[in-house]
């Protein structure tokens, strides 16, 4: 009986963890943070003229975060062309290590927007306990999908969500 119950929960978890079902998680809070150049940026400015937006929370010390953003970087140009997507990578490095975010982004040739949240105000508001955590917003700015952690291949799941949002 225990094996049967364990099998049931494994199947249930696997089916919900990898579901691309779109839900309404609300909108982004309005929080003041900085862009990669140290200029003020309010998260209410995260938008994309009616097209999908991806928001990835990451840190320079987080190996899965780096793997996720580098995998997305390899696909990003195609995503922009195919789905019109815009990506914001929000570093939750603290004030001491946030200076590495800019050199990390530049060193990896990331073409997407990089934002700094050194006090983790935005991260806390978005309930990011540990990065990476990724959110996808529809063209109206509603958060319709979220994903915690990263494993190679997860970017394919993100693309499936983008396809749904763009009607492709």
Foldseek 3Di string as FASTA:
>chain_A
DVVVVVVVVVVVCVCVQLDLFWDFPFFADFDWFAWLVRHIDTPVPPAQQQFKEKEWEDEPVDPQSLVVQLVCQVCVVVCCVPGVYAYEYEYQAAPVRSNVVNVSCVVSVRPHTYTYDNVCPRVVVVVPPDDTKMFMAGNVRTTTDIHHTHDPPVVVSVVVSSCVRRVD
